[in-house]
């Protein structure tokens, strides 16, 4: 998935991994999963980077999403989806298409080692 940057605005793997690393270092989530066109190797000029961030948090998802956004300040179009571990299990069992797609076909960029 090493994207060639010709006259397009495609984002390369290093940029995506650097963003994932920033999020991991600042927020220590359980897992970060890349899903969507970049994970599946079919991005186009208007594709954004879709990241599913699995972590415990208090408050509203939107507030946590904005906090992460402010801290890491992505330089490319990025969609951050925040889910708690328990919500991930529930949504997967309920056949939530976004969660199923990310878990079954996405690329795990980060997974916290709890040992």
PDB file of N, CA and C in Angstrom:
ATOM      1  N   UNK A   1       0.821  -1.189   0.000  1.00  0.00           N
ATOM      2  CA  UNK A   1       0.000   0.000   0.000  1.00  0.00           C
ATOM      3  C   UNK A   1       0.866   1.253   0.000  1.00  0.00           C
ATOM      4  N   UNK A   2       2.025   1.224  -0.562  1.00  0.00           N
ATOM      5  CA  UNK A   2       2.907   2.370  -0.621  1.00  0.00           C
ATOM      6  C   UNK A   2       2.473   3.249  -1.783  1.00  0.00           C
ATOM      7  N   UNK A   3       1.678   4.253  -1.530  1.00  0.00           N
ATOM      8  CA  UNK A   3       1.025   5.056  -2.554  1.00  0.00           C
ATOM      9  C   UNK A   3       1.998   6.012  -3.225  1.00  0.00           C
ATOM     10  N   UNK A   4       1.915   6.061  -4.530  1.00  0.00           N
ATOM     11  CA  UNK A   4       2.732   6.977  -5.303  1.00  0.00           C
ATOM     12  C   UNK A   4       2.079   8.352  -5.284  1.00  0.00           C
ATOM     13  N   UNK A   5       2.883   9.350  -4.999  1.00  0.00           N
ATOM     14  CA  UNK A   5       2.365  10.718  -4.985  1.00  0.00           C
ATOM     15  C   UNK A   5       2.717  11.378  -6.314  1.00  0.00           C
ATOM     16  N   UNK A   6       1.815  11.303  -7.254  1.00  0.00           N
ATOM     17  CA  UNK A   6       2.028  11.962  -8.536  1.00  0.00           C
ATOM     18  C   UNK A   6       1.376  13.332  -8.432  1.00  0.00           C
ATOM     19  N   UNK A   7       0.444  13.603  -9.302  1.00  0.00           N
ATOM     20  CA  UNK A   7      -0.263  14.882  -9.233  1.00  0.00           C
ATOM     21  C   UNK A   7      -1.454  14.785  -8.287  1.00  0.00           C
ATOM     22  N   UNK A   8      -1.556  13.688  -7.574  1.00  0.00           N
ATOM     23  CA  UNK A   8      -2.702  13.489  -6.688  1.00  0.00           C
ATOM     24  C   UNK A   8      -2.375  13.927  -5.268  1.00  0.00           C
ATOM     25  N   UNK A   9      -3.396  13.809  -4.397  1.00  0.00           N
ATOM     26  CA  UNK A   9      -3.223  14.171  -2.998  1.00  0.00           C
ATOM     27  C   UNK A   9      -3.223  12.930  -2.118  1.00  0.00           C
ATOM     28  N   UNK A  10      -2.806  11.795  -2.644  1.00  0.00           N
ATOM     29  CA  UNK A  10      -2.821  10.573  -1.853  1.00  0.00           C
ATOM     30  C   UNK A  10      -1.854  10.688  -0.681  1.00  0.00           C
ATOM     31  N   UNK A  11      -2.237  10.077   0.392  1.00  0.00           N
ATOM     32  CA  UNK A  11      -1.463  10.101   1.633  1.00  0.00           C
ATOM     33  C   UNK A  11      -0.682   8.798   1.699  1.00  0.00           C
ATOM     34  N   UNK A  12       0.585   8.861   2.087  1.00  0.00           N
ATOM     35  CA  UNK A  12       1.369   7.628   2.101  1.00  0.00           C
ATOM     36  C   UNK A  12       1.319   6.942   3.461  1.00  0.00           C
ATOM     37  N   UNK A  13       1.784   5.704   3.474  1.00  0.00           N
ATOM     38  CA  UNK A  13       1.749   4.887   4.687  1.00  0.00           C
ATOM     39  C   UNK A  13       2.474   5.545   5.855  1.00  0.00           C
ATOM     40  N   UNK A  14       3.604   6.183   5.576  1.00  0.00           N
ATOM     41  CA  UNK A  14       4.389   6.807   6.652  1.00  0.00           C
ATOM     42  C   UNK A  14       3.595   7.909   7.348  1.00  0.00           C
ATOM     43  N   UNK A  15       2.842   8.684   6.591  1.00  0.00           N
ATOM     44  CA  UNK A  15       2.026   9.750   7.177  1.00  0.00           C
ATOM     45  C   UNK A  15       0.933   9.171   8.074  1.00  0.00           C
ATOM     46  N   UNK A  16       0.306   8.102   7.611  1.00  0.00           N
ATOM     47  CA  UNK A  16      -0.763   7.465   8.384  1.00  0.00           C
ATOM     48  C   UNK A  16      -0.192   6.849   9.658  1.00  0.00           C
ATOM     49  N   UNK A  17       0.937   6.162   9.527  1.00  0.00           N
ATOM     50  CA  UNK A  17       1.563   5.538  10.695  1.00  0.00           C
ATOM     51  C   UNK A  17       2.042   6.582  11.695  1.00  0.00           C
ATOM     52  N   UNK A  18       2.540   7.719  11.209  1.00  0.00           N
ATOM     53  CA  UNK A  18       2.988   8.788  12.109  1.00  0.00           C
ATOM     54  C   UNK A  18       1.811   9.356  12.900  1.00  0.00           C
ATOM     55  N   UNK A  19       0.670   9.531  12.244  1.00  0.00           N
ATOM     56  CA  UNK A  19      -0.522  10.019  12.938  1.00  0.00           C
ATOM     57  C   UNK A  19      -0.973   9.009  13.987  1.00  0.00           C
ATOM     58  N   UNK A  20      -0.993   7.747  13.621  1.00  0.00           N
ATOM     59  CA  UNK A  20      -1.372   6.688  14.561  1.00  0.00           C
ATOM     60  C   UNK A  20      -0.436   6.671  15.770  1.00  0.00           C
ATOM     61  N   UNK A  21       0.844   6.838  15.523  1.00  0.00           N
ATOM     62  CA  UNK A  21       1.832   6.851  16.611  1.00  0.00           C
ATOM     63  C   UNK A  21       1.587   8.033  17.554  1.00  0.00           C
ATOM     64  N   UNK A  22       1.282   9.195  16.999  1.00  0.00           N
ATOM     65  CA  UNK A  22       0.981  10.372  17.825  1.00  0.00           C
ATOM     66  C   UNK A  22      -0.216  10.109  18.731  1.00  0.00           C
ATOM     67  N   UNK A  23      -1.273   9.559  18.153  1.00  0.00           N
ATOM     68  CA  UNK A  23      -2.479   9.261  18.933  1.00  0.00           C
ATOM     69  C   UNK A  23      -2.151   8.257  20.027  1.00  0.00           C
ATOM     70  N   UNK A  24      -1.403   7.220  19.684  1.00  0.00           N
ATOM     71  CA  UNK A  24      -1.043   6.182  20.659  1.00  0.00           C
ATOM     72  C   UNK A  24      -0.225   6.763  21.806  1.00  0.00           C
ATOM     73  N   UNK A  25       0.745   7.606  21.485  1.00  0.00           N
ATOM     74  CA  UNK A  25       1.612   8.182  22.517  1.00  0.00           C
ATOM     75  C   UNK A  25       0.857   9.140  23.438  1.00  0.00           C
ATOM     76  N   UNK A  26      -0.068   9.900  22.893  1.00  0.00           N
ATOM     77  CA  UNK A  26      -0.767  10.906  23.694  1.00  0.00           C
ATOM     78  C   UNK A  26      -1.984  10.373  24.434  1.00  0.00           C
ATOM     79  N   UNK A  27      -2.612   9.299  23.909  1.00  0.00           N
ATOM     80  CA  UNK A  27      -3.883   8.843  24.484  1.00  0.00           C
ATOM     81  C   UNK A  27      -3.893   7.385  24.927  1.00  0.00           C
ATOM     82  N   UNK A  28      -2.887   6.620  24.574  1.00  0.00           N
ATOM     83  CA  UNK A  28      -2.771   5.217  24.968  1.00  0.00           C
ATOM     84  C   UNK A  28      -4.072   4.419  24.783  1.00  0.00           C
ATOM     85  N   UNK A  29      -4.621   4.434  23.565  1.00  0.00           N
ATOM     86  CA  UNK A  29      -5.842   3.657  23.336  1.00  0.00           C
ATOM     87  C   UNK A  29      -5.534   2.166  23.359  1.00  0.00           C
ATOM     88  N   UNK A  30      -6.569   1.362  23.433  1.00  0.00           N
ATOM     89  CA  UNK A  30      -6.366  -0.085  23.346  1.00  0.00           C
ATOM     90  C   UNK A  30      -5.944  -0.473  21.940  1.00  0.00           C
ATOM     91  N   UNK A  31      -6.534   0.189  20.950  1.00  0.00           N
ATOM     92  CA  UNK A  31      -6.274  -0.207  19.571  1.00  0.00           C
ATOM     93  C   UNK A  31      -6.605   0.945  18.632  1.00  0.00           C
ATOM     94  N   UNK A  32      -5.869   1.007  17.522  1.00  0.00           N
ATOM     95  CA  UNK A  32      -6.172   1.931  16.431  1.00  0.00           C
ATOM     96  C   UNK A  32      -6.242   1.094  15.160  1.00  0.00           C
ATOM     97  N   UNK A  33      -7.373   1.192  14.471  1.00  0.00           N
ATOM     98  CA  UNK A  33      -7.585   0.409  13.259  1.00  0.00           C
ATOM     99  C   UNK A  33      -7.811   1.355  12.083  1.00  0.00           C
ATOM    100  N   UNK A  34      -7.020   1.170  11.036  1.00  0.00           N
ATOM    101  CA  UNK A  34      -7.227   1.878   9.779  1.00  0.00           C
ATOM    102  C   UNK A  34      -8.264   1.082   8.983  1.00  0.00           C
ATOM    103  N   UNK A  35      -9.298   1.764   8.506  1.00  0.00           N
ATOM    104  CA  UNK A  35     -10.294   1.088   7.679  1.00  0.00           C
ATOM    105  C   UNK A  35     -10.661   2.002   6.523  1.00  0.00           C
ATOM    106  N   UNK A  36     -11.466   1.531   5.631  1.00  0.00           N
ATOM    107  CA  UNK A  36     -11.838   2.333   4.476  1.00  0.00           C
ATOM    108  C   UNK A  36     -10.840   2.173   3.345  1.00  0.00           C
ATOM    109  N   UNK A  37     -10.900   3.093   2.401  1.00  0.00           N
ATOM    110  CA  UNK A  37     -10.144   2.942   1.158  1.00  0.00           C
ATOM    111  C   UNK A  37      -8.633   2.823   1.357  1.00  0.00           C
ATOM    112  N   UNK A  38      -8.072   3.508   2.332  1.00  0.00           N
ATOM    113  CA  UNK A  38      -6.628   3.386   2.553  1.00  0.00           C
ATOM    114  C   UNK A  38      -6.253   2.016   3.105  1.00  0.00           C
ATOM    115  N   UNK A  39      -7.073   1.439   3.937  1.00  0.00           N
ATOM    116  CA  UNK A  39      -6.796   0.098   4.472  1.00  0.00           C
ATOM    117  C   UNK A  39      -6.935  -0.957   3.388  1.00  0.00           C
ATOM    118  N   UNK A  40      -7.863  -0.733   2.476  1.00  0.00           N
ATOM    119  CA  UNK A  40      -8.161  -1.743   1.465  1.00  0.00           C
ATOM    120  C   UNK A  40      -7.346  -1.548   0.189  1.00  0.00           C
ATOM    121  N   UNK A  41      -6.483  -0.520   0.174  1.00  0.00           N
ATOM    122  CA  UNK A  41      -5.588  -0.308  -0.959  1.00  0.00           C
ATOM    123  C   UNK A  41      -6.236   0.304  -2.185  1.00  0.00           C
ATOM    124  N   UNK A  42      -7.358   1.005  -1.999  1.00  0.00           N
ATOM    125  CA  UNK A  42      -8.042   1.609  -3.145  1.00  0.00           C
ATOM    126  C   UNK A  42      -8.394   3.087  -2.912  1.00  0.00           C
ATOM    127  N   UNK A  43      -7.462   3.867  -2.367  1.00  0.00           N
ATOM    128  CA  UNK A  43      -7.793   5.277  -2.139  1.00  0.00           C
ATOM    129  C   UNK A  43      -7.831   6.045  -3.459  1.00  0.00           C
ATOM    130  N   UNK A  44      -8.546   7.146  -3.450  1.00  0.00           N
ATOM    131  CA  UNK A  44      -8.577   8.045  -4.596  1.00  0.00           C
ATOM    132  C   UNK A  44      -8.294   9.454  -4.087  1.00  0.00           C
ATOM    133  N   UNK A  45      -8.224  10.397  -4.980  1.00  0.00           N
ATOM    134  CA  UNK A  45      -7.830  11.767  -4.618  1.00  0.00           C
ATOM    135  C   UNK A  45      -8.651  12.376  -3.495  1.00  0.00           C
ATOM    136  N   UNK A  46      -9.922  12.039  -3.403  1.00  0.00           N
ATOM    137  CA  UNK A  46     -10.764  12.654  -2.374  1.00  0.00           C
ATOM    138  C   UNK A  46     -10.958  11.761  -1.147  1.00  0.00           C
ATOM    139  N   UNK A  47     -10.194  10.666  -1.055  1.00  0.00           N
ATOM    140  CA  UNK A  47     -10.313   9.773   0.109  1.00  0.00           C
ATOM    141  C   UNK A  47      -9.770  10.440   1.361  1.00  0.00           C
ATOM    142  N   UNK A  48     -10.433  10.172   2.483  1.00  0.00           N
ATOM    143  CA  UNK A  48      -9.872  10.584   3.765  1.00  0.00           C
ATOM    144  C   UNK A  48      -9.330   9.336   4.458  1.00  0.00           C
ATOM    145  N   UNK A  49      -8.595   9.538   5.524  1.00  0.00           N
ATOM    146  CA  UNK A  49      -8.044   8.434   6.305  1.00  0.00           C
ATOM    147  C   UNK A  49      -9.024   8.154   7.436  1.00  0.00           C
ATOM    148  N   UNK A  50      -9.527   6.929   7.479  1.00  0.00           N
ATOM    149  CA  UNK A  50     -10.508   6.527   8.483  1.00  0.00           C
ATOM    150  C   UNK A  50      -9.816   5.740   9.585  1.00  0.00           C
ATOM    151  N   UNK A  51      -9.855   6.263  10.808  1.00  0.00           N
ATOM    152  CA  UNK A  51      -9.249   5.590  11.953  1.00  0.00           C
ATOM    153  C   UNK A  51     -10.306   5.308  13.006  1.00  0.00           C
ATOM    154  N   UNK A  52     -10.369   4.055  13.416  1.00  0.00           N
ATOM    155  CA  UNK A  52     -11.239   3.645  14.518  1.00  0.00           C
ATOM    156  C   UNK A  52     -10.352   3.536  15.749  1.00  0.00           C
ATOM    157  N   UNK A  53     -10.618   4.365  16.749  1.00  0.00           N
ATOM    158  CA  UNK A  53      -9.812   4.409  17.968  1.00  0.00           C
ATOM    159  C   UNK A  53     -10.621   3.771  19.084  1.00  0.00           C
ATOM    160  N   UNK A  54     -10.094   2.666  19.613  1.00  0.00           N
ATOM    161  CA  UNK A  54     -10.777   1.926  20.675  1.00  0.00           C
ATOM    162  C   UNK A  54     -10.116   2.299  21.993  1.00  0.00           C
ATOM    163  N   UNK A  55     -10.897   2.938  22.882  1.00  0.00           N
ATOM    164  CA  UNK A  55     -10.334   3.390  24.152  1.00  0.00           C
ATOM    165  C   UNK A  55     -11.434   3.678  25.158  1.00  0.00           C
ATOM    166  N   UNK A  56     -11.077   3.579  26.420  1.00  0.00           N
ATOM    167  CA  UNK A  56     -11.983   4.009  27.485  1.00  0.00           C
ATOM    168  C   UNK A  56     -11.944   5.536  27.529  1.00  0.00           C
ATOM    169  N   UNK A  57     -13.083   6.141  27.773  1.00  0.00           N
ATOM    170  CA  UNK A  57     -13.136   7.598  27.903  1.00  0.00           C
ATOM    171  C   UNK A  57     -14.387   7.967  28.678  1.00  0.00           C
ATOM    172  N   UNK A  58     -14.374   9.164  29.208  1.00  0.00           N
ATOM    173  CA  UNK A  58     -15.566   9.690  29.873  1.00  0.00           C
ATOM    174  C   UNK A  58     -16.101  10.833  29.022  1.00  0.00           C
ATOM    175  N   UNK A  59     -17.353  11.118  29.177  1.00  0.00           N
ATOM    176  CA  UNK A  59     -17.949  12.196  28.401  1.00  0.00           C
ATOM    177  C   UNK A  59     -18.459  11.719  27.056  1.00  0.00           C
ATOM    178  N   UNK A  60     -18.655  12.675  26.177  1.00  0.00           N
ATOM    179  CA  UNK A  60     -19.221  12.394  24.859  1.00  0.00           C
ATOM    180  C   UNK A  60     -18.137  12.063  23.844  1.00  0.00           C
ATOM    181  N   UNK A  61     -18.484  11.212  22.894  1.00  0.00           N
ATOM    182  CA  UNK A  61     -17.541  10.824  21.836  1.00  0.00           C
ATOM    183  C   UNK A  61     -17.036  12.032  21.071  1.00  0.00           C
ATOM    184  N   UNK A  62     -17.943  12.947  20.766  1.00  0.00           N
ATOM    185  CA  UNK A  62     -17.552  14.122  19.997  1.00  0.00           C
ATOM    186  C   UNK A  62     -16.500  14.939  20.738  1.00  0.00           C
ATOM    187  N   UNK A  63     -16.651  15.089  22.042  1.00  0.00           N
ATOM    188  CA  UNK A  63     -15.668  15.841  22.830  1.00  0.00           C
ATOM    189  C   UNK A  63     -14.308  15.150  22.816  1.00  0.00           C
ATOM    190  N   UNK A  64     -14.289  13.821  22.953  1.00  0.00           N
ATOM    191  CA  UNK A  64     -13.027  13.077  22.929  1.00  0.00           C
ATOM    192  C   UNK A  64     -12.397  13.169  21.544  1.00  0.00           C
ATOM    193  N   UNK A  65     -13.224  13.062  20.526  1.00  0.00           N
ATOM    194  CA  UNK A  65     -12.730  13.171  19.153  1.00  0.00           C
ATOM    195  C   UNK A  65     -12.073  14.531  18.925  1.00  0.00           C
ATOM    196  N   UNK A  66     -12.721  15.592  19.385  1.00  0.00           N
ATOM    197  CA  UNK A  66     -12.162  16.934  19.215  1.00  0.00           C
ATOM    198  C   UNK A  66     -10.888  17.114  20.032  1.00  0.00           C
ATOM    199  N   UNK A  67     -10.835  16.514  21.225  1.00  0.00           N
ATOM    200  CA  UNK A  67      -9.618  16.577  22.040  1.00  0.00           C
ATOM    201  C   UNK A  67      -8.453  15.911  21.306  1.00  0.00           C
ATOM    202  N   UNK A  68      -8.696  14.752  20.753  1.00  0.00           N
ATOM    203  CA  UNK A  68      -7.647  14.053  19.997  1.00  0.00           C
ATOM    204  C   UNK A  68      -7.251  14.890  18.789  1.00  0.00           C
ATOM    205  N   UNK A  69      -8.233  15.397  18.078  1.00  0.00           N
ATOM    206  CA  UNK A  69      -7.974  16.217  16.893  1.00  0.00           C
ATOM    207  C   UNK A  69      -7.082  17.416  17.238  1.00  0.00           C
ATOM    208  N   UNK A  70      -7.414  18.117  18.320  1.00  0.00           N
ATOM    209  CA  UNK A  70      -6.618  19.290  18.725  1.00  0.00           C
ATOM    210  C   UNK A  70      -5.194  18.897  19.105  1.00  0.00           C
ATOM    211  N   UNK A  71      -5.036  17.768  19.756  1.00  0.00           N
ATOM    212  CA  UNK A  71      -3.706  17.340  20.208  1.00  0.00           C
ATOM    213  C   UNK A  71      -2.800  16.908  19.055  1.00  0.00           C
ATOM    214  N   UNK A  72      -3.351  16.193  18.068  1.00  0.00           N
ATOM    215  CA  UNK A  72      -2.500  15.645  16.999  1.00  0.00           C
ATOM    216  C   UNK A  72      -2.521  16.482  15.723  1.00  0.00           C
ATOM    217  N   UNK A  73      -3.537  17.301  15.544  1.00  0.00           N
ATOM    218  CA  UNK A  73      -3.656  18.208  14.399  1.00  0.00           C
ATOM    219  C   UNK A  73      -3.280  17.546  13.068  1.00  0.00           C
ATOM    220  N   UNK A  74      -4.100  16.611  12.591  1.00  0.00           N
ATOM    221  CA  UNK A  74      -3.798  15.947  11.316  1.00  0.00           C
ATOM    222  C   UNK A  74      -3.639  16.959  10.186  1.00  0.00           C
ATOM    223  N   UNK A  75      -2.703  16.695   9.300  1.00  0.00           N
ATOM    224  CA  UNK A  75      -2.438  17.595   8.175  1.00  0.00           C
ATOM    225  C   UNK A  75      -3.117  17.117   6.894  1.00  0.00           C
ATOM    226  N   UNK A  76      -3.925  16.075   6.999  1.00  0.00           N
ATOM    227  CA  UNK A  76      -4.654  15.546   5.849  1.00  0.00           C
ATOM    228  C   UNK A  76      -6.051  15.148   6.316  1.00  0.00           C
ATOM    229  N   UNK A  77      -6.953  14.971   5.376  1.00  0.00           N
ATOM    230  CA  UNK A  77      -8.346  14.644   5.695  1.00  0.00           C
ATOM    231  C   UNK A  77      -8.414  13.343   6.489  1.00  0.00           C
ATOM    232  N   UNK A  78      -8.954  13.438   7.688  1.00  0.00           N
ATOM    233  CA  UNK A  78      -8.981  12.303   8.608  1.00  0.00           C
ATOM    234  C   UNK A  78     -10.336  12.225   9.286  1.00  0.00           C
ATOM    235  N   UNK A  79     -10.861  11.011   9.375  1.00  0.00           N
ATOM    236  CA  UNK A  79     -12.102  10.780  10.109  1.00  0.00           C
ATOM    237  C   UNK A  79     -11.759   9.914  11.314  1.00  0.00           C
ATOM    238  N   UNK A  80     -11.908  10.471  12.500  1.00  0.00           N
ATOM    239  CA  UNK A  80     -11.613   9.752  13.740  1.00  0.00           C
ATOM    240  C   UNK A  80     -12.922   9.246  14.335  1.00  0.00           C
ATOM    241  N   UNK A  81     -13.018   7.941  14.494  1.00  0.00           N
ATOM    242  CA  UNK A  81     -14.192   7.318  15.101  1.00  0.00           C
ATOM    243  C   UNK A  81     -13.747   6.765  16.450  1.00  0.00           C
ATOM    244  N   UNK A  82     -14.418   7.162  17.521  1.00  0.00           N
ATOM    245  CA  UNK A  82     -14.057   6.739  18.873  1.00  0.00           C
ATOM    246  C   UNK A  82     -15.108   5.756  19.378  1.00  0.00           C
ATOM    247  N   UNK A  83     -14.637   4.618  19.883  1.00  0.00           N
ATOM    248  CA  UNK A  83     -15.533   3.628  20.485  1.00  0.00           C
ATOM    249  C   UNK A  83     -14.860   3.051  21.726  1.00  0.00           C
ATOM    250  N   UNK A  84     -15.646   2.785  22.756  1.00  0.00           N
ATOM    251  CA  UNK A  84     -15.114   2.110  23.950  1.00  0.00           C
ATOM    252  C   UNK A  84     -14.995   0.619  23.634  1.00  0.00           C
ATOM    253  N   UNK A  85     -14.153  -0.101  24.371  1.00  0.00           N
ATOM    254  CA  UNK A  85     -14.032  -1.549  24.140  1.00  0.00           C
ATOM    255  C   UNK A  85     -15.367  -2.285  24.277  1.00  0.00           C
ATOM    256  N   UNK A  86     -16.151  -1.936  25.289  1.00  0.00           N
ATOM    257  CA  UNK A  86     -17.438  -2.619  25.471  1.00  0.00           C
ATOM    258  C   UNK A  86     -18.405  -2.289  24.335  1.00  0.00           C
ATOM    259  N   UNK A  87     -18.365  -1.059  23.856  1.00  0.00           N
ATOM    260  CA  UNK A  87     -19.218  -0.684  22.731  1.00  0.00           C
ATOM    261  C   UNK A  87     -18.801  -1.421  21.461  1.00  0.00           C
ATOM    262  N   UNK A  88     -17.497  -1.623  21.295  1.00  0.00           N
ATOM    263  CA  UNK A  88     -17.004  -2.376  20.137  1.00  0.00           C
ATOM    264  C   UNK A  88     -17.587  -3.783  20.131  1.00  0.00           C
ATOM    265  N   UNK A  89     -17.563  -4.443  21.280  1.00  0.00           N
ATOM    266  CA  UNK A  89     -18.100  -5.805  21.375  1.00  0.00           C
ATOM    267  C   UNK A  89     -19.588  -5.799  21.041  1.00  0.00           C
ATOM    268  N   UNK A  90     -20.322  -4.898  21.672  1.00  0.00           N
ATOM    269  CA  UNK A  90     -21.764  -4.830  21.446  1.00  0.00           C
ATOM    270  C   UNK A  90     -22.087  -4.544  19.981  1.00  0.00           C
ATOM    271  N   UNK A  91     -21.408  -3.539  19.420  1.00  0.00           N
ATOM    272  CA  UNK A  91     -21.683  -3.165  18.029  1.00  0.00           C
ATOM    273  C   UNK A  91     -21.309  -4.291  17.062  1.00  0.00           C
ATOM    274  N   UNK A  92     -20.215  -4.992  17.342  1.00  0.00           N
ATOM    275  CA  UNK A  92     -19.826  -6.116  16.485  1.00  0.00           C
ATOM    276  C   UNK A  92     -20.903  -7.197  16.526  1.00  0.00           C
ATOM    277  N   UNK A  93     -21.376  -7.506  17.728  1.00  0.00           N
ATOM    278  CA  UNK A  93     -22.418  -8.526  17.882  1.00  0.00           C
ATOM    279  C   UNK A  93     -23.735  -8.109  17.228  1.00  0.00           C
ATOM    280  N   UNK A  94     -23.971  -6.799  17.137  1.00  0.00           N
ATOM    281  CA  UNK A  94     -25.186  -6.278  16.506  1.00  0.00           C
ATOM    282  C   UNK A  94     -25.009  -6.068  14.995  1.00  0.00           C
ATOM    283  N   UNK A  95     -23.895  -6.516  14.458  1.00  0.00           N
ATOM    284  CA  UNK A  95     -23.591  -6.421  13.028  1.00  0.00           C
ATOM    285  C   UNK A  95     -23.523  -4.984  12.524  1.00  0.00           C
ATOM    286  N   UNK A  96     -23.002  -4.083  13.363  1.00  0.00           N
ATOM    287  CA  UNK A  96     -22.772  -2.703  12.937  1.00  0.00           C
ATOM    288  C   UNK A  96     -21.810  -2.748  11.744  1.00  0.00           C
ATOM    289  N   UNK A  97     -22.219  -2.230  10.580  1.00  0.00           N
ATOM    290  CA  UNK A  97     -21.372  -2.359   9.392  1.00  0.00           C
ATOM    291  C   UNK A  97     -20.016  -1.671   9.519  1.00  0.00           C
ATOM    292  N   UNK A  98     -19.957  -0.512  10.147  1.00  0.00           N
ATOM    293  CA  UNK A  98     -18.683   0.179  10.301  1.00  0.00           C
ATOM    294  C   UNK A  98     -17.730  -0.642  11.159  1.00  0.00           C
ATOM    295  N   UNK A  99     -18.195  -1.091  12.313  1.00  0.00           N
ATOM    296  CA  UNK A  99     -17.346  -1.860  13.228  1.00  0.00           C
ATOM    297  C   UNK A  99     -16.961  -3.194  12.597  1.00  0.00           C
ATOM    298  N   UNK A 100     -17.912  -3.878  11.994  1.00  0.00           N
ATOM    299  CA  UNK A 100     -17.624  -5.163  11.338  1.00  0.00           C
ATOM    300  C   UNK A 100     -16.577  -4.989  10.243  1.00  0.00           C
ATOM    301  N   UNK A 101     -16.747  -3.979   9.423  1.00  0.00           N
ATOM    302  CA  UNK A 101     -15.819  -3.712   8.332  1.00  0.00           C
ATOM    303  C   UNK A 101     -14.417  -3.431   8.861  1.00  0.00           C
ATOM    304  N   UNK A 102     -14.327  -2.582   9.864  1.00  0.00           N
ATOM    305  CA  UNK A 102     -13.026  -2.226  10.432  1.00  0.00           C
ATOM    306  C   UNK A 102     -12.351  -3.432  11.070  1.00  0.00           C
ATOM    307  N   UNK A 103     -13.088  -4.184  11.871  1.00  0.00           N
ATOM    308  CA  UNK A 103     -12.511  -5.331  12.580  1.00  0.00           C
ATOM    309  C   UNK A 103     -12.144  -6.453  11.607  1.00  0.00           C
ATOM    310  N   UNK A 104     -13.038  -6.751  10.679  1.00  0.00           N
ATOM    311  CA  UNK A 104     -12.823  -7.890   9.783  1.00  0.00           C
ATOM    312  C   UNK A 104     -11.858  -7.604   8.641  1.00  0.00           C
ATOM    313  N   UNK A 105     -11.809  -6.358   8.163  1.00  0.00           N
ATOM    314  CA  UNK A 105     -11.016  -6.067   6.974  1.00  0.00           C
ATOM    315  C   UNK A 105     -10.011  -4.931   7.144  1.00  0.00           C
ATOM    316  N   UNK A 106     -10.034  -4.264   8.286  1.00  0.00           N
ATOM    317  CA  UNK A 106      -9.135  -3.139   8.513  1.00  0.00           C
ATOM    318  C   UNK A 106      -7.723  -3.589   8.848  1.00  0.00           C
ATOM    319  N   UNK A 107      -6.867  -2.620   9.027  1.00  0.00           N
ATOM    320  CA  UNK A 107      -5.454  -2.856   9.344  1.00  0.00           C
ATOM    321  C   UNK A 107      -5.179  -2.274  10.732  1.00  0.00           C
ATOM    322  N   UNK A 108      -4.756  -3.128  11.665  1.00  0.00           N
ATOM    323  CA  UNK A 108      -4.434  -2.658  13.013  1.00  0.00           C
ATOM    324  C   UNK A 108      -3.101  -1.916  12.944  1.00  0.00           C
ATOM    325  N   UNK A 109      -3.138  -0.637  13.273  1.00  0.00           N
ATOM    326  CA  UNK A 109      -1.926   0.187  13.261  1.00  0.00           C
ATOM    327  C   UNK A 109      -1.251   0.209  14.621  1.00  0.00           C
ATOM    328  N   UNK A 110      -2.049   0.023  15.661  1.00  0.00           N
ATOM    329  CA  UNK A 110      -1.519   0.072  17.029  1.00  0.00           C
ATOM    330  C   UNK A 110      -2.384  -0.815  17.902  1.00  0.00           C
ATOM    331  N   UNK A 111      -1.723  -1.556  18.786  1.00  0.00           N
ATOM    332  CA  UNK A 111      -2.438  -2.330  19.795  1.00  0.00           C
ATOM    333  C   UNK A 111      -1.620  -2.275  21.076  1.00  0.00           C
ATOM    334  N   UNK A 112      -2.250  -1.797  22.136  1.00  0.00           N
ATOM    335  CA  UNK A 112      -1.558  -1.642  23.412  1.00  0.00           C
ATOM    336  C   UNK A 112      -1.220  -3.007  23.987  1.00  0.00           C
ATOM    337  N   UNK A 113      -0.012  -3.113  24.502  1.00  0.00           N
ATOM    338  CA  UNK A 113       0.434  -4.342  25.158  1.00  0.00           C
ATOM    339  C   UNK A 113       0.141  -4.197  26.643  1.00  0.00           C
ATOM    340  N   UNK A 114      -0.774  -4.997  27.154  1.00  0.00           N
ATOM    341  CA  UNK A 114      -1.184  -4.892  28.559  1.00  0.00           C
ATOM    342  C   UNK A 114      -0.406  -5.795  29.495  1.00  0.00           C
ATOM    343  N   UNK A 115       0.673  -6.369  29.036  1.00  0.00           N
ATOM    344  CA  UNK A 115       1.419  -7.280  29.920  1.00  0.00           C
ATOM    345  C   UNK A 115       2.384  -6.555  30.820  1.00  0.00           C
TER     346      UNK A 115
END
